[in-house]
Amino acid sequence: MQTEAVYSSDLTFNLEIWKRELKFHKSELDMFQQKLEEIAGRDDIETSSYELESYQNRIIIERDAINKLLHRCRAKLGNLHSADHYKNVDGQIQYEKRSLYDDLRHYIKLHYDFKEDIMDFFLKWL
């Protein structure tokens, strides 16, 4: 029974860490959006609206992805809290965790690629 509790707490720990990281990325996107609005409001900058709109669309897409991943994390935590801890943790929870883990890894890679792109844009215009 002790190993099951540790196993369950490990999954809970991972999910909580992932939620915090996603919330951090969401706050970063808010800062990126503010900077894009600042750039768009300048008269002396000759930047194409296409470039600005492209970054704003990517921010909207990322926010949507974050919200979906956060929802999956919360649902997974709900499943863990309602699981019967006197029995083995269901293999389905482990399978779903692996899928969520892969999706989070993929999202984080895409986020940092986007972050590099937008930071290069900011260096160019700020």
N, C-alpha and C. Protein backbone atom coordinates (compact mmCIF):
# COMPACT_ATOMS: atom_id res chain seq x y z
N MET A 1 0.82 -1.18 0.00
CA MET A 1 0.00 0.00 0.00
C MET A 1 0.87 1.26 0.00
N GLN A 2 1.99 1.25 0.61
CA GLN A 2 2.87 2.41 0.67
C GLN A 2 3.35 2.81 -0.73
N THR A 3 3.72 1.83 -1.57
CA THR A 3 4.19 2.15 -2.92
C THR A 3 3.10 2.78 -3.75
N GLU A 4 1.86 2.35 -3.57
CA GLU A 4 0.76 2.94 -4.33
C GLU A 4 0.59 4.40 -3.97
N ALA A 5 0.69 4.74 -2.70
CA ALA A 5 0.55 6.12 -2.27
C ALA A 5 1.67 6.97 -2.84
N VAL A 6 2.89 6.44 -2.81
CA VAL A 6 4.03 7.16 -3.37
C VAL A 6 3.82 7.34 -4.87
N TYR A 7 3.38 6.30 -5.54
CA TYR A 7 3.15 6.35 -6.97
C TYR A 7 2.10 7.41 -7.29
N SER A 8 1.01 7.40 -6.57
CA SER A 8 -0.05 8.37 -6.78
C SER A 8 0.44 9.79 -6.48
N SER A 9 1.21 9.95 -5.43
CA SER A 9 1.71 11.28 -5.09
C SER A 9 2.72 11.76 -6.13
N ASP A 10 3.48 10.84 -6.73
CA ASP A 10 4.41 11.22 -7.78
C ASP A 10 3.66 11.74 -9.00
N LEU A 11 2.58 11.07 -9.37
CA LEU A 11 1.78 11.53 -10.50
C LEU A 11 1.16 12.89 -10.20
N THR A 12 0.67 13.05 -8.98
CA THR A 12 0.08 14.32 -8.57
C THR A 12 1.12 15.43 -8.62
N PHE A 13 2.32 15.14 -8.14
CA PHE A 13 3.41 16.11 -8.16
C PHE A 13 3.70 16.55 -9.60
N ASN A 14 3.83 15.57 -10.51
CA ASN A 14 4.11 15.89 -11.92
C ASN A 14 3.02 16.78 -12.50
N LEU A 15 1.79 16.44 -12.24
CA LEU A 15 0.68 17.22 -12.79
C LEU A 15 0.66 18.64 -12.25
N GLU A 16 0.95 18.79 -10.97
CA GLU A 16 0.99 20.13 -10.38
C GLU A 16 2.12 20.97 -10.97
N ILE A 17 3.27 20.36 -11.19
CA ILE A 17 4.41 21.06 -11.80
C ILE A 17 4.05 21.48 -13.22
N TRP A 18 3.43 20.58 -13.97
CA TRP A 18 3.04 20.89 -15.35
C TRP A 18 2.04 22.04 -15.37
N LYS A 19 1.09 22.03 -14.45
CA LYS A 19 0.11 23.12 -14.39
C LYS A 19 0.81 24.46 -14.13
N ARG A 20 1.77 24.47 -13.23
CA ARG A 20 2.48 25.71 -12.92
C ARG A 20 3.27 26.21 -14.13
N GLU A 21 3.91 25.28 -14.83
CA GLU A 21 4.68 25.68 -16.01
C GLU A 21 3.77 26.25 -17.09
N LEU A 22 2.63 25.62 -17.30
CA LEU A 22 1.68 26.12 -18.30
C LEU A 22 1.16 27.50 -17.92
N LYS A 23 0.89 27.72 -16.65
CA LYS A 23 0.43 29.03 -16.20
C LYS A 23 1.52 30.09 -16.40
N PHE A 24 2.76 29.70 -16.19
CA PHE A 24 3.88 30.62 -16.44
C PHE A 24 3.93 30.98 -17.92
N HIS A 25 3.79 29.99 -18.78
CA HIS A 25 3.81 30.26 -20.22
C HIS A 25 2.66 31.18 -20.62
N LYS A 26 1.53 30.99 -19.98
CA LYS A 26 0.37 31.85 -20.26
C LYS A 26 0.67 33.30 -19.87
N SER A 27 1.33 33.51 -18.74
CA SER A 27 1.68 34.87 -18.33
C SER A 27 2.72 35.47 -19.28
N GLU A 28 3.62 34.65 -19.79
CA GLU A 28 4.58 35.12 -20.78
C GLU A 28 3.87 35.60 -22.04
N LEU A 29 2.87 34.86 -22.46
CA LEU A 29 2.10 35.25 -23.64
C LEU A 29 1.42 36.59 -23.44
N ASP A 30 0.95 36.85 -22.22
CA ASP A 30 0.35 38.15 -21.92
C ASP A 30 1.37 39.28 -22.10
N MET A 31 2.60 39.05 -21.65
CA MET A 31 3.65 40.05 -21.82
C MET A 31 3.99 40.24 -23.29
N PHE A 32 4.05 39.14 -24.04
CA PHE A 32 4.31 39.24 -25.48
C PHE A 32 3.23 40.05 -26.17
N GLN A 33 1.98 39.81 -25.80
CA GLN A 33 0.86 40.53 -26.39
C GLN A 33 0.96 42.03 -26.11
N GLN A 34 1.33 42.37 -24.88
CA GLN A 34 1.49 43.79 -24.52
C GLN A 34 2.56 44.45 -25.36
N LYS A 35 3.68 43.76 -25.57
CA LYS A 35 4.77 44.32 -26.37
C LYS A 35 4.35 44.48 -27.83
N LEU A 36 3.61 43.52 -28.36
CA LEU A 36 3.14 43.62 -29.74
C LEU A 36 2.22 44.83 -29.89
N GLU A 37 1.35 45.05 -28.90
CA GLU A 37 0.46 46.21 -28.95
C GLU A 37 1.25 47.51 -28.86
N GLU A 38 2.31 47.51 -28.07
CA GLU A 38 3.17 48.68 -27.95
C GLU A 38 3.83 48.98 -29.30
N ILE A 39 4.33 47.96 -29.95
CA ILE A 39 4.98 48.13 -31.25
C ILE A 39 3.98 48.61 -32.30
N ALA A 40 2.79 48.03 -32.28
CA ALA A 40 1.76 48.40 -33.25
C ALA A 40 1.34 49.86 -33.09
N GLY A 41 1.42 50.39 -31.88
CA GLY A 41 1.00 51.75 -31.61
C GLY A 41 2.03 52.81 -31.94
N ARG A 42 3.21 52.42 -32.31
CA ARG A 42 4.27 53.38 -32.63
C ARG A 42 4.11 53.90 -34.05
N ASP A 43 4.39 55.19 -34.19
CA ASP A 43 4.31 55.81 -35.52
C ASP A 43 5.61 55.67 -36.30
N ASP A 44 6.71 55.60 -35.59
CA ASP A 44 8.02 55.60 -36.24
C ASP A 44 8.47 54.22 -36.73
N ILE A 45 7.72 53.20 -36.43
CA ILE A 45 8.12 51.84 -36.81
C ILE A 45 7.41 51.47 -38.11
N GLU A 46 8.17 51.02 -39.04
CA GLU A 46 7.60 50.57 -40.32
C GLU A 46 7.57 49.05 -40.35
N THR A 47 6.71 48.50 -39.56
CA THR A 47 6.57 47.05 -39.52
C THR A 47 5.27 46.67 -40.21
N SER A 48 5.30 45.56 -40.85
CA SER A 48 4.09 45.15 -41.57
C SER A 48 3.05 44.64 -40.59
N SER A 49 1.81 44.95 -40.89
CA SER A 49 0.72 44.46 -40.04
C SER A 49 0.63 42.94 -40.15
N TYR A 50 1.12 42.40 -41.26
CA TYR A 50 1.11 40.95 -41.44
C TYR A 50 1.97 40.27 -40.37
N GLU A 51 3.15 40.84 -40.13
CA GLU A 51 4.05 40.27 -39.13
C GLU A 51 3.44 40.33 -37.73
N LEU A 52 2.90 41.49 -37.39
CA LEU A 52 2.27 41.65 -36.07
C LEU A 52 1.07 40.71 -35.93
N GLU A 53 0.25 40.66 -36.95
CA GLU A 53 -0.93 39.80 -36.90
C GLU A 53 -0.55 38.33 -36.80
N SER A 54 0.52 37.97 -37.47
CA SER A 54 1.00 36.58 -37.41
C SER A 54 1.37 36.20 -35.98
N TYR A 55 2.10 37.08 -35.30
CA TYR A 55 2.47 36.79 -33.91
C TYR A 55 1.25 36.78 -32.99
N GLN A 56 0.32 37.70 -33.22
CA GLN A 56 -0.89 37.72 -32.40
C GLN A 56 -1.71 36.45 -32.60
N ASN A 57 -1.78 35.96 -33.82
CA ASN A 57 -2.49 34.70 -34.08
C ASN A 57 -1.80 33.52 -33.39
N ARG A 58 -0.48 33.53 -33.41
CA ARG A 58 0.25 32.45 -32.74
C ARG A 58 0.02 32.49 -31.23
N ILE A 59 -0.09 33.68 -30.68
CA ILE A 59 -0.38 33.81 -29.25
C ILE A 59 -1.77 33.24 -28.94
N ILE A 60 -2.74 33.55 -29.78
CA ILE A 60 -4.09 33.02 -29.58
C ILE A 60 -4.08 31.50 -29.64
N ILE A 61 -3.36 30.94 -30.60
CA ILE A 61 -3.28 29.48 -30.75
C ILE A 61 -2.60 28.87 -29.53
N GLU A 62 -1.53 29.50 -29.05
CA GLU A 62 -0.83 28.97 -27.87
C GLU A 62 -1.71 29.03 -26.62
N ARG A 63 -2.44 30.12 -26.45
CA ARG A 63 -3.35 30.22 -25.30
C ARG A 63 -4.37 29.09 -25.32
N ASP A 64 -4.90 28.81 -26.50
CA ASP A 64 -5.87 27.73 -26.64
C ASP A 64 -5.23 26.38 -26.27
N ALA A 65 -4.01 26.15 -26.76
CA ALA A 65 -3.31 24.90 -26.43
C ALA A 65 -3.06 24.80 -24.93
N ILE A 66 -2.66 25.89 -24.30
CA ILE A 66 -2.42 25.90 -22.86
C ILE A 66 -3.70 25.57 -22.11
N ASN A 67 -4.80 26.21 -22.51
CA ASN A 67 -6.08 25.95 -21.84
C ASN A 67 -6.49 24.49 -21.95
N LYS A 68 -6.28 23.89 -23.10
CA LYS A 68 -6.63 22.47 -23.29
C LYS A 68 -5.73 21.57 -22.43
N LEU A 69 -4.44 21.88 -22.38
CA LEU A 69 -3.53 21.08 -21.57
C LEU A 69 -3.83 21.25 -20.08
N LEU A 70 -4.15 22.47 -19.66
CA LEU A 70 -4.52 22.69 -18.25
C LEU A 70 -5.78 21.91 -17.90
N HIS A 71 -6.73 21.90 -18.80
CA HIS A 71 -7.96 21.14 -18.57
C HIS A 71 -7.65 19.65 -18.42
N ARG A 72 -6.77 19.13 -19.27
CA ARG A 72 -6.39 17.72 -19.17
C ARG A 72 -5.67 17.43 -17.85
N CYS A 73 -4.82 18.36 -17.41
CA CYS A 73 -4.12 18.17 -16.13
C CYS A 73 -5.12 18.14 -14.98
N ARG A 74 -6.06 19.08 -15.00
CA ARG A 74 -7.07 19.11 -13.92
C ARG A 74 -7.93 17.86 -13.94
N ALA A 75 -8.29 17.40 -15.12
CA ALA A 75 -9.09 16.17 -15.22
C ALA A 75 -8.30 14.97 -14.69
N LYS A 76 -7.03 14.93 -15.01
CA LYS A 76 -6.18 13.84 -14.55
C LYS A 76 -6.05 13.88 -13.03
N LEU A 77 -5.90 15.07 -12.47
CA LEU A 77 -5.83 15.19 -11.01
C LEU A 77 -7.14 14.71 -10.39
N GLY A 78 -8.25 15.06 -11.00
CA GLY A 78 -9.54 14.59 -10.50
C GLY A 78 -9.64 13.08 -10.52
N ASN A 79 -9.13 12.47 -11.59
CA ASN A 79 -9.12 11.00 -11.68
C ASN A 79 -8.25 10.39 -10.59
N LEU A 80 -7.12 11.00 -10.33
CA LEU A 80 -6.22 10.48 -9.30
C LEU A 80 -6.84 10.60 -7.90
N HIS A 81 -7.50 11.73 -7.64
CA HIS A 81 -8.10 11.93 -6.33
C HIS A 81 -9.29 11.01 -6.09
N SER A 82 -9.97 10.63 -7.16
CA SER A 82 -11.13 9.76 -7.00
C SER A 82 -10.78 8.28 -7.11
N ALA A 83 -9.52 7.97 -7.44
CA ALA A 83 -9.11 6.57 -7.58
C ALA A 83 -9.11 5.88 -6.22
N ASP A 84 -9.34 4.59 -6.24
CA ASP A 84 -9.31 3.78 -5.02
C ASP A 84 -7.85 3.46 -4.72
N HIS A 85 -7.30 4.08 -3.69
CA HIS A 85 -5.88 3.92 -3.39
C HIS A 85 -5.56 2.62 -2.66
N TYR A 86 -6.56 1.83 -2.39
CA TYR A 86 -6.29 0.53 -1.79
C TYR A 86 -6.07 -0.53 -2.85
N LYS A 87 -6.30 -0.18 -4.10
CA LYS A 87 -6.04 -1.08 -5.21
C LYS A 87 -4.93 -0.48 -6.05
N ASN A 88 -4.41 -1.26 -6.98
CA ASN A 88 -3.39 -0.73 -7.87
C ASN A 88 -3.97 0.43 -8.66
N VAL A 89 -3.14 1.45 -8.88
CA VAL A 89 -3.60 2.57 -9.69
C VAL A 89 -3.85 2.04 -11.09
N ASP A 90 -4.98 2.39 -11.62
CA ASP A 90 -5.42 1.88 -12.91
C ASP A 90 -4.37 2.13 -13.99
N GLY A 91 -4.14 1.13 -14.82
CA GLY A 91 -3.20 1.27 -15.93
C GLY A 91 -3.62 2.34 -16.90
N GLN A 92 -4.92 2.60 -16.99
CA GLN A 92 -5.42 3.65 -17.88
C GLN A 92 -4.90 5.02 -17.45
N ILE A 93 -4.82 5.26 -16.15
CA ILE A 93 -4.29 6.54 -15.66
C ILE A 93 -2.84 6.69 -16.09
N GLN A 94 -2.06 5.62 -15.98
CA GLN A 94 -0.66 5.67 -16.40
C GLN A 94 -0.57 5.93 -17.90
N TYR A 95 -1.41 5.25 -18.68
CA TYR A 95 -1.40 5.44 -20.13
C TYR A 95 -1.75 6.88 -20.49
N GLU A 96 -2.79 7.40 -19.85
CA GLU A 96 -3.21 8.77 -20.13
C GLU A 96 -2.13 9.76 -19.70
N LYS A 97 -1.44 9.47 -18.61
CA LYS A 97 -0.36 10.34 -18.15
C LYS A 97 0.74 10.38 -19.21
N ARG A 98 1.08 9.23 -19.77
CA ARG A 98 2.13 9.18 -20.79
C ARG A 98 1.73 10.02 -22.00
N SER A 99 0.49 9.90 -22.43
CA SER A 99 0.02 10.67 -23.57
C SER A 99 0.07 12.17 -23.25
N LEU A 100 -0.37 12.54 -22.08
CA LEU A 100 -0.34 13.93 -21.66
C LEU A 100 1.10 14.42 -21.58
N TYR A 101 1.97 13.60 -21.04
CA TYR A 101 3.39 13.94 -20.94
C TYR A 101 3.97 14.21 -22.33
N ASP A 102 3.68 13.36 -23.28
CA ASP A 102 4.18 13.55 -24.65
C ASP A 102 3.63 14.83 -25.26
N ASP A 103 2.35 15.09 -25.03
CA ASP A 103 1.74 16.31 -25.55
C ASP A 103 2.35 17.55 -24.91
N LEU A 104 2.63 17.50 -23.62
CA LEU A 104 3.26 18.62 -22.93
C LEU A 104 4.68 18.86 -23.44
N ARG A 105 5.42 17.80 -23.62
CA ARG A 105 6.79 17.94 -24.16
C ARG A 105 6.75 18.59 -25.53
N HIS A 106 5.82 18.14 -26.36
CA HIS A 106 5.69 18.70 -27.71
C HIS A 106 5.30 20.18 -27.63
N TYR A 107 4.35 20.52 -26.78
CA TYR A 107 3.93 21.91 -26.62
C TYR A 107 5.10 22.78 -26.16
N ILE A 108 5.85 22.31 -25.17
CA ILE A 108 6.94 23.10 -24.63
C ILE A 108 8.01 23.36 -25.69
N LYS A 109 8.29 22.35 -26.50
CA LYS A 109 9.25 22.54 -27.59
C LYS A 109 8.74 23.62 -28.55
N LEU A 110 7.47 23.54 -28.92
CA LEU A 110 6.90 24.54 -29.83
C LEU A 110 6.88 25.93 -29.19
N HIS A 111 6.60 25.98 -27.88
CA HIS A 111 6.58 27.26 -27.18
C HIS A 111 7.95 27.93 -27.21
N TYR A 112 9.00 27.17 -26.95
CA TYR A 112 10.32 27.78 -26.93
C TYR A 112 10.79 28.16 -28.34
N ASP A 113 10.35 27.44 -29.35
CA ASP A 113 10.63 27.86 -30.73
C ASP A 113 9.94 29.19 -31.03
N PHE A 114 8.68 29.30 -30.61
CA PHE A 114 7.93 30.54 -30.78
C PHE A 114 8.59 31.67 -30.00
N LYS A 115 9.01 31.37 -28.79
CA LYS A 115 9.63 32.39 -27.95
C LYS A 115 10.90 32.94 -28.60
N GLU A 116 11.70 32.06 -29.19
CA GLU A 116 12.90 32.52 -29.90
C GLU A 116 12.53 33.43 -31.05
N ASP A 117 11.52 33.05 -31.83
CA ASP A 117 11.08 33.86 -32.96
C ASP A 117 10.61 35.24 -32.52
N ILE A 118 9.75 35.26 -31.52
CA ILE A 118 9.19 36.55 -31.11
C ILE A 118 10.24 37.42 -30.43
N MET A 119 11.18 36.81 -29.72
CA MET A 119 12.25 37.61 -29.10
C MET A 119 13.14 38.22 -30.18
N ASP A 120 13.41 37.49 -31.25
CA ASP A 120 14.16 38.05 -32.38
C ASP A 120 13.41 39.23 -32.98
N PHE A 121 12.09 39.08 -33.10
CA PHE A 121 11.26 40.18 -33.61
C PHE A 121 11.35 41.39 -32.70
N PHE A 122 11.25 41.17 -31.39
CA PHE A 122 11.34 42.27 -30.44
C PHE A 122 12.70 42.97 -30.51
N LEU A 123 13.76 42.19 -30.63
CA LEU A 123 15.10 42.81 -30.75
C LEU A 123 15.20 43.69 -31.98
N LYS A 124 14.51 43.28 -33.01
CA LYS A 124 14.54 44.02 -34.27
C LYS A 124 13.78 45.35 -34.16
N TRP A 125 12.68 45.36 -33.41
CA TRP A 125 11.80 46.53 -33.38
C TRP A 125 11.82 47.34 -32.10
N LEU A 126 12.44 46.85 -31.05
CA LEU A 126 12.41 47.61 -29.79
C LEU A 126 13.70 48.34 -29.52
